[in-house]
Amino acid sequence: MDSKTKIKHLLQVFQTAYRARAVEEVDAFLDSTFGKQGFASIIGTGDGELCLSRQSIRDLFISDWKYWGELELDIENAIIREHGKAAWCHVPATVKYSFSDDDATYSRFVSFIE
């Protein structure tokens, strides 16, 4: 299996985890996608979502799984680049968010948009 196919497989694992939102499985998810050793980073979609440590990556996933909308990755159109032993990707995606009757959730989201 070539490296781009492996990365697309990891993106599918990522998508499955976002659908499941099993916060109690976040450490197993991190181990399977980022490994137990080495450096990983994530540039998120929100202000301040530059994650350069395992703990900040973990916190991002937990927050997303608890509070964010339904993420759908367009894995087939992912742009994957490699250089030596490093790889990065850009994945088009959509997020569907349904507001509940909770005023606090609505206010938090509107503040984020502003």
PDB file of N, CA and C in Angstrom:
ATOM      1  N   MET A   1       0.852  -1.178   0.000  1.00  0.00           N
ATOM      2  CA  MET A   1       0.000   0.000   0.000  1.00  0.00           C
ATOM      3  C   MET A   1       0.894   1.236   0.000  1.00  0.00           C
ATOM      4  N   ASP A   2       0.653   2.138  -0.934  1.00  0.00           N
ATOM      5  CA  ASP A   2       1.471   3.345  -0.990  1.00  0.00           C
ATOM      6  C   ASP A   2       1.070   4.326   0.118  1.00  0.00           C
ATOM      7  N   SER A   3       1.906   5.328   0.341  1.00  0.00           N
ATOM      8  CA  SER A   3       1.687   6.232   1.483  1.00  0.00           C
ATOM      9  C   SER A   3       0.412   7.057   1.337  1.00  0.00           C
ATOM     10  N   LYS A   4       0.046   7.464   0.123  1.00  0.00           N
ATOM     11  CA  LYS A   4      -1.186   8.247  -0.036  1.00  0.00           C
ATOM     12  C   LYS A   4      -2.413   7.404   0.291  1.00  0.00           C
ATOM     13  N   THR A   5      -2.379   6.141  -0.062  1.00  0.00           N
ATOM     14  CA  THR A   5      -3.482   5.239   0.288  1.00  0.00           C
ATOM     15  C   THR A   5      -3.553   5.061   1.800  1.00  0.00           C
ATOM     16  N   LYS A   6      -2.400   4.949   2.453  1.00  0.00           N
ATOM     17  CA  LYS A   6      -2.363   4.834   3.912  1.00  0.00           C
ATOM     18  C   LYS A   6      -2.937   6.083   4.578  1.00  0.00           C
ATOM     19  N   ILE A   7      -2.593   7.247   4.044  1.00  0.00           N
ATOM     20  CA  ILE A   7      -3.101   8.497   4.618  1.00  0.00           C
ATOM     21  C   ILE A   7      -4.608   8.593   4.422  1.00  0.00           C
ATOM     22  N   LYS A   8      -5.094   8.198   3.260  1.00  0.00           N
ATOM     23  CA  LYS A   8      -6.550   8.208   3.041  1.00  0.00           C
ATOM     24  C   LYS A   8      -7.249   7.238   3.990  1.00  0.00           C
ATOM     25  N   HIS A   9      -6.606   6.113   4.284  1.00  0.00           N
ATOM     26  CA  HIS A   9      -7.171   5.181   5.269  1.00  0.00           C
ATOM     27  C   HIS A   9      -7.239   5.854   6.648  1.00  0.00           C
ATOM     28  N   LEU A  10      -6.190   6.558   7.027  1.00  0.00           N
ATOM     29  CA  LEU A  10      -6.193   7.278   8.306  1.00  0.00           C
ATOM     30  C   LEU A  10      -7.288   8.341   8.337  1.00  0.00           C
ATOM     31  N   LEU A  11      -7.510   9.008   7.206  1.00  0.00           N
ATOM     32  CA  LEU A  11      -8.584   9.996   7.142  1.00  0.00           C
ATOM     33  C   LEU A  11      -9.944   9.338   7.335  1.00  0.00           C
ATOM     34  N   GLN A  12     -10.097   8.112   6.837  1.00  0.00           N
ATOM     35  CA  GLN A  12     -11.357   7.384   7.042  1.00  0.00           C
ATOM     36  C   GLN A  12     -11.522   7.014   8.513  1.00  0.00           C
ATOM     37  N   VAL A  13     -10.446   6.631   9.172  1.00  0.00           N
ATOM     38  CA  VAL A  13     -10.486   6.350  10.614  1.00  0.00           C
ATOM     39  C   VAL A  13     -10.891   7.619  11.361  1.00  0.00           C
ATOM     40  N   PHE A  14     -10.321   8.732  10.954  1.00  0.00           N
ATOM     41  CA  PHE A  14     -10.625  10.045  11.517  1.00  0.00           C
ATOM     42  C   PHE A  14     -12.118  10.345  11.359  1.00  0.00           C
ATOM     43  N   GLN A  15     -12.649  10.134  10.147  1.00  0.00           N
ATOM     44  CA  GLN A  15     -14.070  10.380   9.882  1.00  0.00           C
ATOM     45  C   GLN A  15     -14.953   9.500  10.759  1.00  0.00           C
ATOM     46  N   THR A  16     -14.596   8.244  10.872  1.00  0.00           N
ATOM     47  CA  THR A  16     -15.370   7.301  11.695  1.00  0.00           C
ATOM     48  C   THR A  16     -15.386   7.751  13.151  1.00  0.00           C
ATOM     49  N   ALA A  17     -14.248   8.224  13.643  1.00  0.00           N
ATOM     50  CA  ALA A  17     -14.169   8.691  15.032  1.00  0.00           C
ATOM     51  C   ALA A  17     -15.047   9.921  15.249  1.00  0.00           C
ATOM     52  N   TYR A  18     -15.068  10.839  14.293  1.00  0.00           N
ATOM     53  CA  TYR A  18     -15.918  12.028  14.415  1.00  0.00           C
ATOM     54  C   TYR A  18     -17.399  11.661  14.407  1.00  0.00           C
ATOM     55  N   ARG A  19     -17.746  10.628  13.680  1.00  0.00           N
ATOM     56  CA  ARG A  19     -19.142  10.196  13.681  1.00  0.00           C
ATOM     57  C   ARG A  19     -19.508   9.535  15.009  1.00  0.00           C
ATOM     58  N   ALA A  20     -18.598   8.774  15.571  1.00  0.00           N
ATOM     59  CA  ALA A  20     -18.870   8.047  16.815  1.00  0.00           C
ATOM     60  C   ALA A  20     -18.865   8.953  18.038  1.00  0.00           C
ATOM     61  N   ARG A  21     -17.960   9.930  18.061  1.00  0.00           N
ATOM     62  CA  ARG A  21     -17.840  10.876  19.178  1.00  0.00           C
ATOM     63  C   ARG A  21     -17.684  10.182  20.543  1.00  0.00           C
ATOM     64  N   ALA A  22     -16.920   9.130  20.563  1.00  0.00           N
ATOM     65  CA  ALA A  22     -16.706   8.356  21.783  1.00  0.00           C
ATOM     66  C   ALA A  22     -15.537   8.961  22.566  1.00  0.00           C
ATOM     67  N   VAL A  23     -15.843   9.951  23.390  1.00  0.00           N
ATOM     68  CA  VAL A  23     -14.816  10.674  24.138  1.00  0.00           C
ATOM     69  C   VAL A  23     -13.960   9.723  24.971  1.00  0.00           C
ATOM     70  N   GLU A  24     -14.562   8.683  25.504  1.00  0.00           N
ATOM     71  CA  GLU A  24     -13.803   7.727  26.322  1.00  0.00           C
ATOM     72  C   GLU A  24     -12.770   6.948  25.500  1.00  0.00           C
ATOM     73  N   GLU A  25     -12.853   7.022  24.174  1.00  0.00           N
ATOM     74  CA  GLU A  25     -11.915   6.325  23.290  1.00  0.00           C
ATOM     75  C   GLU A  25     -10.874   7.262  22.666  1.00  0.00           C
ATOM     76  N   VAL A  26     -10.803   8.498  23.147  1.00  0.00           N
ATOM     77  CA  VAL A  26      -9.926   9.479  22.509  1.00  0.00           C
ATOM     78  C   VAL A  26      -8.462   9.052  22.534  1.00  0.00           C
ATOM     79  N   ASP A  27      -7.990   8.458  23.621  1.00  0.00           N
ATOM     80  CA  ASP A  27      -6.579   8.059  23.684  1.00  0.00           C
ATOM     81  C   ASP A  27      -6.268   6.929  22.702  1.00  0.00           C
ATOM     82  N   ALA A  28      -7.169   5.958  22.584  1.00  0.00           N
ATOM     83  CA  ALA A  28      -6.984   4.883  21.606  1.00  0.00           C
ATOM     84  C   ALA A  28      -7.002   5.450  20.184  1.00  0.00           C
ATOM     85  N   PHE A  29      -7.883   6.423  19.941  1.00  0.00           N
ATOM     86  CA  PHE A  29      -7.939   7.080  18.634  1.00  0.00           C
ATOM     87  C   PHE A  29      -6.618   7.783  18.334  1.00  0.00           C
ATOM     88  N   LEU A  30      -6.101   8.528  19.300  1.00  0.00           N
ATOM     89  CA  LEU A  30      -4.833   9.227  19.094  1.00  0.00           C
ATOM     90  C   LEU A  30      -3.703   8.249  18.815  1.00  0.00           C
ATOM     91  N   ASP A  31      -3.669   7.138  19.569  1.00  0.00           N
ATOM     92  CA  ASP A  31      -2.629   6.127  19.351  1.00  0.00           C
ATOM     93  C   ASP A  31      -2.702   5.548  17.944  1.00  0.00           C
ATOM     94  N   SER A  32      -3.924   5.291  17.471  1.00  0.00           N
ATOM     95  CA  SER A  32      -4.070   4.651  16.161  1.00  0.00           C
ATOM     96  C   SER A  32      -3.847   5.604  14.996  1.00  0.00           C
ATOM     97  N   THR A  33      -4.058   6.883  15.206  1.00  0.00           N
ATOM     98  CA  THR A  33      -3.897   7.836  14.104  1.00  0.00           C
ATOM     99  C   THR A  33      -2.586   8.616  14.146  1.00  0.00           C
ATOM    100  N   PHE A  34      -2.131   8.959  15.329  1.00  0.00           N
ATOM    101  CA  PHE A  34      -0.921   9.769  15.452  1.00  0.00           C
ATOM    102  C   PHE A  34       0.267   8.989  16.007  1.00  0.00           C
ATOM    103  N   GLY A  35       0.016   7.779  16.497  1.00  0.00           N
ATOM    104  CA  GLY A  35       1.081   6.994  17.105  1.00  0.00           C
ATOM    105  C   GLY A  35       1.284   7.387  18.557  1.00  0.00           C
ATOM    106  N   LYS A  36       2.026   6.567  19.259  1.00  0.00           N
ATOM    107  CA  LYS A  36       2.276   6.828  20.679  1.00  0.00           C
ATOM    108  C   LYS A  36       3.522   7.684  20.884  1.00  0.00           C
ATOM    109  N   GLN A  37       4.379   7.739  19.896  1.00  0.00           N
ATOM    110  CA  GLN A  37       5.631   8.490  19.986  1.00  0.00           C
ATOM    111  C   GLN A  37       5.699   9.487  18.845  1.00  0.00           C
ATOM    112  N   GLY A  38       6.577  10.429  18.943  1.00  0.00           N
ATOM    113  CA  GLY A  38       6.827  11.334  17.837  1.00  0.00           C
ATOM    114  C   GLY A  38       5.997  12.594  17.886  1.00  0.00           C
ATOM    115  N   PHE A  39       6.240  13.447  16.926  1.00  0.00           N
ATOM    116  CA  PHE A  39       5.611  14.761  16.872  1.00  0.00           C
ATOM    117  C   PHE A  39       4.425  14.747  15.920  1.00  0.00           C
ATOM    118  N   ALA A  40       3.362  15.382  16.326  1.00  0.00           N
ATOM    119  CA  ALA A  40       2.191  15.594  15.472  1.00  0.00           C
ATOM    120  C   ALA A  40       1.691  17.006  15.742  1.00  0.00           C
ATOM    121  N   SER A  41       1.038  17.580  14.763  1.00  0.00           N
ATOM    122  CA  SER A  41       0.445  18.894  14.951  1.00  0.00           C
ATOM    123  C   SER A  41      -0.847  18.973  14.157  1.00  0.00           C
ATOM    124  N   ILE A  42      -1.717  19.870  14.588  1.00  0.00           N
ATOM    125  CA  ILE A  42      -2.975  20.112  13.896  1.00  0.00           C
ATOM    126  C   ILE A  42      -3.191  21.617  13.820  1.00  0.00           C
ATOM    127  N   ILE A  43      -3.552  22.075  12.651  1.00  0.00           N
ATOM    128  CA  ILE A  43      -4.022  23.443  12.491  1.00  0.00           C
ATOM    129  C   ILE A  43      -5.525  23.320  12.315  1.00  0.00           C
ATOM    130  N   GLY A  44      -6.262  23.750  13.324  1.00  0.00           N
ATOM    131  CA  GLY A  44      -7.712  23.618  13.307  1.00  0.00           C
ATOM    132  C   GLY A  44      -8.383  24.727  12.526  1.00  0.00           C
ATOM    133  N   THR A  45      -9.688  24.785  12.656  1.00  0.00           N
ATOM    134  CA  THR A  45     -10.463  25.761  11.909  1.00  0.00           C
ATOM    135  C   THR A  45     -10.798  27.007  12.713  1.00  0.00           C
ATOM    136  N   GLY A  46     -10.615  26.958  14.008  1.00  0.00           N
ATOM    137  CA  GLY A  46     -10.980  28.083  14.858  1.00  0.00           C
ATOM    138  C   GLY A  46      -9.776  28.867  15.338  1.00  0.00           C
ATOM    139  N   ASP A  47     -10.050  30.037  15.873  1.00  0.00           N
ATOM    140  CA  ASP A  47      -9.026  30.885  16.442  1.00  0.00           C
ATOM    141  C   ASP A  47      -8.343  30.148  17.587  1.00  0.00           C
ATOM    142  N   GLY A  48      -7.038  30.100  17.571  1.00  0.00           N
ATOM    143  CA  GLY A  48      -6.296  29.458  18.644  1.00  0.00           C
ATOM    144  C   GLY A  48      -6.188  27.952  18.509  1.00  0.00           C
ATOM    145  N   GLU A  49      -6.583  27.390  17.373  1.00  0.00           N
ATOM    146  CA  GLU A  49      -6.507  25.936  17.196  1.00  0.00           C
ATOM    147  C   GLU A  49      -5.216  25.529  16.476  1.00  0.00           C
ATOM    148  N   LEU A  50      -4.113  25.898  17.082  1.00  0.00           N
ATOM    149  CA  LEU A  50      -2.805  25.442  16.643  1.00  0.00           C
ATOM    150  C   LEU A  50      -2.326  24.483  17.714  1.00  0.00           C
ATOM    151  N   CYS A  51      -2.412  23.214  17.426  1.00  0.00           N
ATOM    152  CA  CYS A  51      -2.115  22.173  18.415  1.00  0.00           C
ATOM    153  C   CYS A  51      -0.745  21.583  18.126  1.00  0.00           C
ATOM    154  N   LEU A  52       0.181  21.797  19.038  1.00  0.00           N
ATOM    155  CA  LEU A  52       1.559  21.353  18.844  1.00  0.00           C
ATOM    156  C   LEU A  52       1.992  20.302  19.863  1.00  0.00           C
ATOM    157  N   SER A  53       1.074  19.861  20.686  1.00  0.00           N
ATOM    158  CA  SER A  53       1.395  18.824  21.667  1.00  0.00           C
ATOM    159  C   SER A  53       0.277  17.791  21.678  1.00  0.00           C
ATOM    160  N   ARG A  54       0.587  16.613  22.173  1.00  0.00           N
ATOM    161  CA  ARG A  54      -0.431  15.562  22.247  1.00  0.00           C
ATOM    162  C   ARG A  54      -1.610  16.015  23.105  1.00  0.00           C
ATOM    163  N   GLN A  55      -1.330  16.707  24.211  1.00  0.00           N
ATOM    164  CA  GLN A  55      -2.409  17.148  25.097  1.00  0.00           C
ATOM    165  C   GLN A  55      -3.318  18.156  24.399  1.00  0.00           C
ATOM    166  N   SER A  56      -2.742  19.097  23.653  1.00  0.00           N
ATOM    167  CA  SER A  56      -3.591  20.081  22.965  1.00  0.00           C
ATOM    168  C   SER A  56      -4.390  19.425  21.841  1.00  0.00           C
ATOM    169  N   ILE A  57      -3.816  18.428  21.178  1.00  0.00           N
ATOM    170  CA  ILE A  57      -4.554  17.669  20.156  1.00  0.00           C
ATOM    171  C   ILE A  57      -5.697  16.906  20.818  1.00  0.00           C
ATOM    172  N   ARG A  58      -5.412  16.269  21.941  1.00  0.00           N
ATOM    173  CA  ARG A  58      -6.434  15.517  22.690  1.00  0.00           C
ATOM    174  C   ARG A  58      -7.584  16.444  23.096  1.00  0.00           C
ATOM    175  N   ASP A  59      -7.233  17.602  23.638  1.00  0.00           N
ATOM    176  CA  ASP A  59      -8.257  18.570  24.067  1.00  0.00           C
ATOM    177  C   ASP A  59      -9.129  19.024  22.896  1.00  0.00           C
ATOM    178  N   LEU A  60      -8.503  19.220  21.725  1.00  0.00           N
ATOM    179  CA  LEU A  60      -9.255  19.635  20.544  1.00  0.00           C
ATOM    180  C   LEU A  60     -10.283  18.573  20.152  1.00  0.00           C
ATOM    181  N   PHE A  61      -9.860  17.313  20.113  1.00  0.00           N
ATOM    182  CA  PHE A  61     -10.792  16.250  19.738  1.00  0.00           C
ATOM    183  C   PHE A  61     -11.936  16.124  20.739  1.00  0.00           C
ATOM    184  N   ILE A  62     -11.618  16.170  22.008  1.00  0.00           N
ATOM    185  CA  ILE A  62     -12.675  16.059  23.015  1.00  0.00           C
ATOM    186  C   ILE A  62     -13.677  17.199  22.857  1.00  0.00           C
ATOM    187  N   SER A  63     -13.193  18.408  22.686  1.00  0.00           N
ATOM    188  CA  SER A  63     -14.079  19.553  22.512  1.00  0.00           C
ATOM    189  C   SER A  63     -14.934  19.398  21.250  1.00  0.00           C
ATOM    190  N   ASP A  64     -14.298  19.014  20.147  1.00  0.00           N
ATOM    191  CA  ASP A  64     -15.046  18.828  18.902  1.00  0.00           C
ATOM    192  C   ASP A  64     -16.112  17.750  19.047  1.00  0.00           C
ATOM    193  N   TRP A  65     -15.743  16.630  19.641  1.00  0.00           N
ATOM    194  CA  TRP A  65     -16.684  15.515  19.749  1.00  0.00           C
ATOM    195  C   TRP A  65     -17.853  15.857  20.671  1.00  0.00           C
ATOM    196  N   LYS A  66     -17.620  16.706  21.654  1.00  0.00           N
ATOM    197  CA  LYS A  66     -18.706  17.079  22.562  1.00  0.00           C
ATOM    198  C   LYS A  66     -19.586  18.196  22.002  1.00  0.00           C
ATOM    199  N   TYR A  67     -18.987  19.154  21.298  1.00  0.00           N
ATOM    200  CA  TYR A  67     -19.714  20.387  21.015  1.00  0.00           C
ATOM    201  C   TYR A  67     -19.837  20.773  19.537  1.00  0.00           C
ATOM    202  N   TRP A  68     -19.052  20.160  18.664  1.00  0.00           N
ATOM    203  CA  TRP A  68     -19.040  20.609  17.275  1.00  0.00           C
ATOM    204  C   TRP A  68     -20.103  19.905  16.470  1.00  0.00           C
ATOM    205  N   GLY A  69     -20.349  20.383  15.262  1.00  0.00           N
ATOM    206  CA  GLY A  69     -21.346  19.797  14.375  1.00  0.00           C
ATOM    207  C   GLY A  69     -20.870  18.506  13.725  1.00  0.00           C
ATOM    208  N   GLU A  70     -21.679  18.039  12.789  1.00  0.00           N
ATOM    209  CA  GLU A  70     -21.401  16.782  12.086  1.00  0.00           C
ATOM    210  C   GLU A  70     -20.395  17.043  10.964  1.00  0.00           C
ATOM    211  N   LEU A  71     -19.206  16.494  11.106  1.00  0.00           N
ATOM    212  CA  LEU A  71     -18.123  16.676  10.150  1.00  0.00           C
ATOM    213  C   LEU A  71     -18.193  15.611   9.052  1.00  0.00           C
ATOM    214  N   GLU A  72     -18.105  16.056   7.809  1.00  0.00           N
ATOM    215  CA  GLU A  72     -18.019  15.138   6.670  1.00  0.00           C
ATOM    216  C   GLU A  72     -16.807  15.520   5.832  1.00  0.00           C
ATOM    217  N   LEU A  73     -15.828  14.635   5.804  1.00  0.00           N
ATOM    218  CA  LEU A  73     -14.613  14.859   5.028  1.00  0.00           C
ATOM    219  C   LEU A  73     -14.810  14.417   3.584  1.00  0.00           C
ATOM    220  N   ASP A  74     -14.251  15.158   2.664  1.00  0.00           N
ATOM    221  CA  ASP A  74     -14.244  14.783   1.248  1.00  0.00           C
ATOM    222  C   ASP A  74     -12.895  14.118   0.966  1.00  0.00           C
ATOM    223  N   ILE A  75     -12.770  12.884   1.426  1.00  0.00           N
ATOM    224  CA  ILE A  75     -11.488  12.177   1.396  1.00  0.00           C
ATOM    225  C   ILE A  75     -10.982  11.974  -0.034  1.00  0.00           C
ATOM    226  N   GLU A  76     -11.865  11.718  -0.961  1.00  0.00           N
ATOM    227  CA  GLU A  76     -11.442  11.489  -2.347  1.00  0.00           C
ATOM    228  C   GLU A  76     -10.766  12.711  -2.964  1.00  0.00           C
ATOM    229  N   ASN A  77     -11.068  13.896  -2.472  1.00  0.00           N
ATOM    230  CA  ASN A  77     -10.466  15.116  -3.000  1.00  0.00           C
ATOM    231  C   ASN A  77      -9.400  15.699  -2.080  1.00  0.00           C
ATOM    232  N   ALA A  78      -8.904  14.881  -1.161  1.00  0.00           N
ATOM    233  CA  ALA A  78      -7.839  15.323  -0.261  1.00  0.00           C
ATOM    234  C   ALA A  78      -6.574  15.617  -1.069  1.00  0.00           C
ATOM    235  N   ILE A  79      -5.879  16.650  -0.682  1.00  0.00           N
ATOM    236  CA  ILE A  79      -4.586  16.984  -1.284  1.00  0.00           C
ATOM    237  C   ILE A  79      -3.526  16.536  -0.286  1.00  0.00           C
ATOM    238  N   ILE A  80      -2.718  15.595  -0.692  1.00  0.00           N
ATOM    239  CA  ILE A  80      -1.717  15.004   0.205  1.00  0.00           C
ATOM    240  C   ILE A  80      -0.330  15.296  -0.357  1.00  0.00           C
ATOM    241  N   ARG A  81       0.517  15.825   0.504  1.00  0.00           N
ATOM    242  CA  ARG A  81       1.889  16.137   0.118  1.00  0.00           C
ATOM    243  C   ARG A  81       2.843  15.409   1.070  1.00  0.00           C
ATOM    244  N   GLU A  82       3.973  15.026   0.524  1.00  0.00           N
ATOM    245  CA  GLU A  82       4.982  14.325   1.311  1.00  0.00           C
ATOM    246  C   GLU A  82       6.350  14.946   1.065  1.00  0.00           C
ATOM    247  N   HIS A  83       7.156  14.881   2.089  1.00  0.00           N
ATOM    248  CA  HIS A  83       8.545  15.312   1.973  1.00  0.00           C
ATOM    249  C   HIS A  83       9.351  14.482   2.957  1.00  0.00           C
ATOM    250  N   GLY A  84      10.158  13.609   2.453  1.00  0.00           N
ATOM    251  CA  GLY A  84      10.917  12.724   3.331  1.00  0.00           C
ATOM    252  C   GLY A  84       9.972  11.847   4.140  1.00  0.00           C
ATOM    253  N   LYS A  85      10.129  11.895   5.457  1.00  0.00           N
ATOM    254  CA  LYS A  85       9.277  11.099   6.342  1.00  0.00           C
ATOM    255  C   LYS A  85       8.055  11.869   6.837  1.00  0.00           C
ATOM    256  N   ALA A  86       7.869  13.089   6.333  1.00  0.00           N
ATOM    257  CA  ALA A  86       6.742  13.918   6.770  1.00  0.00           C
ATOM    258  C   ALA A  86       5.665  13.941   5.688  1.00  0.00           C
ATOM    259  N   ALA A  87       4.434  14.103   6.136  1.00  0.00           N
ATOM    260  CA  ALA A  87       3.312  14.245   5.209  1.00  0.00           C
ATOM    261  C   ALA A  87       2.305  15.216   5.816  1.00  0.00           C
ATOM    262  N   TRP A  88       1.578  15.904   4.963  1.00  0.00           N
ATOM    263  CA  TRP A  88       0.510  16.784   5.414  1.00  0.00           C
ATOM    264  C   TRP A  88      -0.591  16.723   4.375  1.00  0.00           C
ATOM    265  N   CYS A  89      -1.768  17.118   4.792  1.00  0.00           N
ATOM    266  CA  CYS A  89      -2.881  17.056   3.851  1.00  0.00           C
ATOM    267  C   CYS A  89      -3.863  18.197   4.092  1.00  0.00           C
ATOM    268  N   HIS A  90      -4.563  18.510   3.047  1.00  0.00           N
ATOM    269  CA  HIS A  90      -5.667  19.465   3.078  1.00  0.00           C
ATOM    270  C   HIS A  90      -6.880  18.676   2.635  1.00  0.00           C
ATOM    271  N   VAL A  91      -7.927  18.681   3.444  1.00  0.00           N
ATOM    272  CA  VAL A  91      -9.107  17.883   3.144  1.00  0.00           C
ATOM    273  C   VAL A  91     -10.335  18.791   3.130  1.00  0.00           C
ATOM    274  N   PRO A  92     -10.950  18.954   1.975  1.00  0.00           N
ATOM    275  CA  PRO A  92     -12.208  19.715   1.955  1.00  0.00           C
ATOM    276  C   PRO A  92     -13.235  19.013   2.851  1.00  0.00           C
ATOM    277  N   ALA A  93     -14.057  19.790   3.519  1.00  0.00           N
ATOM    278  CA  ALA A  93     -15.031  19.198   4.438  1.00  0.00           C
ATOM    279  C   ALA A  93     -16.210  20.144   4.632  1.00  0.00           C
ATOM    280  N   THR A  94     -17.271  19.594   5.161  1.00  0.00           N
ATOM    281  CA  THR A  94     -18.422  20.402   5.557  1.00  0.00           C
ATOM    282  C   THR A  94     -18.758  20.058   7.002  1.00  0.00           C
ATOM    283  N   VAL A  95     -19.401  21.010   7.655  1.00  0.00           N
ATOM    284  CA  VAL A  95     -19.870  20.800   9.013  1.00  0.00           C
ATOM    285  C   VAL A  95     -21.333  21.202   9.065  1.00  0.00           C
ATOM    286  N   LYS A  96     -22.154  20.287   9.526  1.00  0.00           N
ATOM    287  CA  LYS A  96     -23.576  20.566   9.710  1.00  0.00           C
ATOM    288  C   LYS A  96     -23.812  20.725  11.201  1.00  0.00           C
ATOM    289  N   TYR A  97     -24.359  21.857  11.566  1.00  0.00           N
ATOM    290  CA  TYR A  97     -24.604  22.122  12.981  1.00  0.00           C
ATOM    291  C   TYR A  97     -26.067  22.467  13.178  1.00  0.00           C
ATOM    292  N   SER A  98     -26.730  21.743  14.038  1.00  0.00           N
ATOM    293  CA  SER A  98     -28.132  22.013  14.354  1.00  0.00           C
ATOM    294  C   SER A  98     -28.198  22.629  15.743  1.00  0.00           C
ATOM    295  N   PHE A  99     -28.811  23.799  15.819  1.00  0.00           N
ATOM    296  CA  PHE A  99     -28.941  24.452  17.115  1.00  0.00           C
ATOM    297  C   PHE A  99     -30.024  23.755  17.937  1.00  0.00           C
ATOM    298  N   SER A 100     -29.740  23.608  19.176  1.00  0.00           N
ATOM    299  CA  SER A 100     -30.749  23.076  20.085  1.00  0.00           C
ATOM    300  C   SER A 100     -31.533  24.259  20.656  1.00  0.00           C
ATOM    301  N   ASP A 101     -32.408  23.978  21.559  1.00  0.00           N
ATOM    302  CA  ASP A 101     -33.162  25.046  22.216  1.00  0.00           C
ATOM    303  C   ASP A 101     -32.348  25.709  23.328  1.00  0.00           C
ATOM    304  N   ASP A 102     -31.098  25.317  23.425  1.00  0.00           N
ATOM    305  CA  ASP A 102     -30.215  25.815  24.466  1.00  0.00           C
ATOM    306  C   ASP A 102     -29.689  27.209  24.084  1.00  0.00           C
ATOM    307  N   ASP A 103     -30.095  28.236  24.821  1.00  0.00           N
ATOM    308  CA  ASP A 103     -29.681  29.608  24.535  1.00  0.00           C
ATOM    309  C   ASP A 103     -28.165  29.786  24.670  1.00  0.00           C
ATOM    310  N   ALA A 104     -27.547  29.075  25.598  1.00  0.00           N
ATOM    311  CA  ALA A 104     -26.102  29.212  25.798  1.00  0.00           C
ATOM    312  C   ALA A 104     -25.344  28.721  24.566  1.00  0.00           C
ATOM    313  N   THR A 105     -25.777  27.603  23.986  1.00  0.00           N
ATOM    314  CA  THR A 105     -25.131  27.074  22.781  1.00  0.00           C
ATOM    315  C   THR A 105     -25.271  28.065  21.634  1.00  0.00           C
ATOM    316  N   TYR A 106     -26.456  28.578  21.465  1.00  0.00           N
ATOM    317  CA  TYR A 106     -26.716  29.553  20.391  1.00  0.00           C
ATOM    318  C   TYR A 106     -25.843  30.794  20.583  1.00  0.00           C
ATOM    319  N   SER A 107     -25.798  31.323  21.781  1.00  0.00           N
ATOM    320  CA  SER A 107     -25.014  32.530  22.063  1.00  0.00           C
ATOM    321  C   SER A 107     -23.531  32.299  21.823  1.00  0.00           C
ATOM    322  N   ARG A 108     -23.032  31.137  22.254  1.00  0.00           N
ATOM    323  CA  ARG A 108     -21.614  30.817  22.067  1.00  0.00           C
ATOM    324  C   ARG A 108     -21.274  30.765  20.577  1.00  0.00           C
ATOM    325  N   PHE A 109     -22.147  30.148  19.781  1.00  0.00           N
ATOM    326  CA  PHE A 109     -21.912  30.035  18.355  1.00  0.00           C
ATOM    327  C   PHE A 109     -21.957  31.407  17.674  1.00  0.00           C
ATOM    328  N   VAL A 110     -22.938  32.220  18.011  1.00  0.00           N
ATOM    329  CA  VAL A 110     -23.040  33.561  17.421  1.00  0.00           C
ATOM    330  C   VAL A 110     -21.820  34.386  17.788  1.00  0.00           C
ATOM    331  N   SER A 111     -21.329  34.282  19.010  1.00  0.00           N
ATOM    332  CA  SER A 111     -20.129  35.006  19.422  1.00  0.00           C
ATOM    333  C   SER A 111     -18.922  34.560  18.610  1.00  0.00           C
ATOM    334  N   PHE A 112     -18.841  33.258  18.342  1.00  0.00           N
ATOM    335  CA  PHE A 112     -17.741  32.720  17.542  1.00  0.00           C
ATOM    336  C   PHE A 112     -17.789  33.290  16.134  1.00  0.00           C
ATOM    337  N   ILE A 113     -18.967  33.346  15.539  1.00  0.00           N
ATOM    338  CA  ILE A 113     -19.136  33.861  14.177  1.00  0.00           C
ATOM    339  C   ILE A 113     -18.775  35.339  14.109  1.00  0.00           C
ATOM    340  N   GLU A 114     -19.172  36.105  15.126  1.00  0.00           N
ATOM    341  CA  GLU A 114     -18.881  37.540  15.142  1.00  0.00           C
ATOM    342  C   GLU A 114     -17.397  37.785  15.197  1.00  0.00           C
TER     343      GLU A 114
END
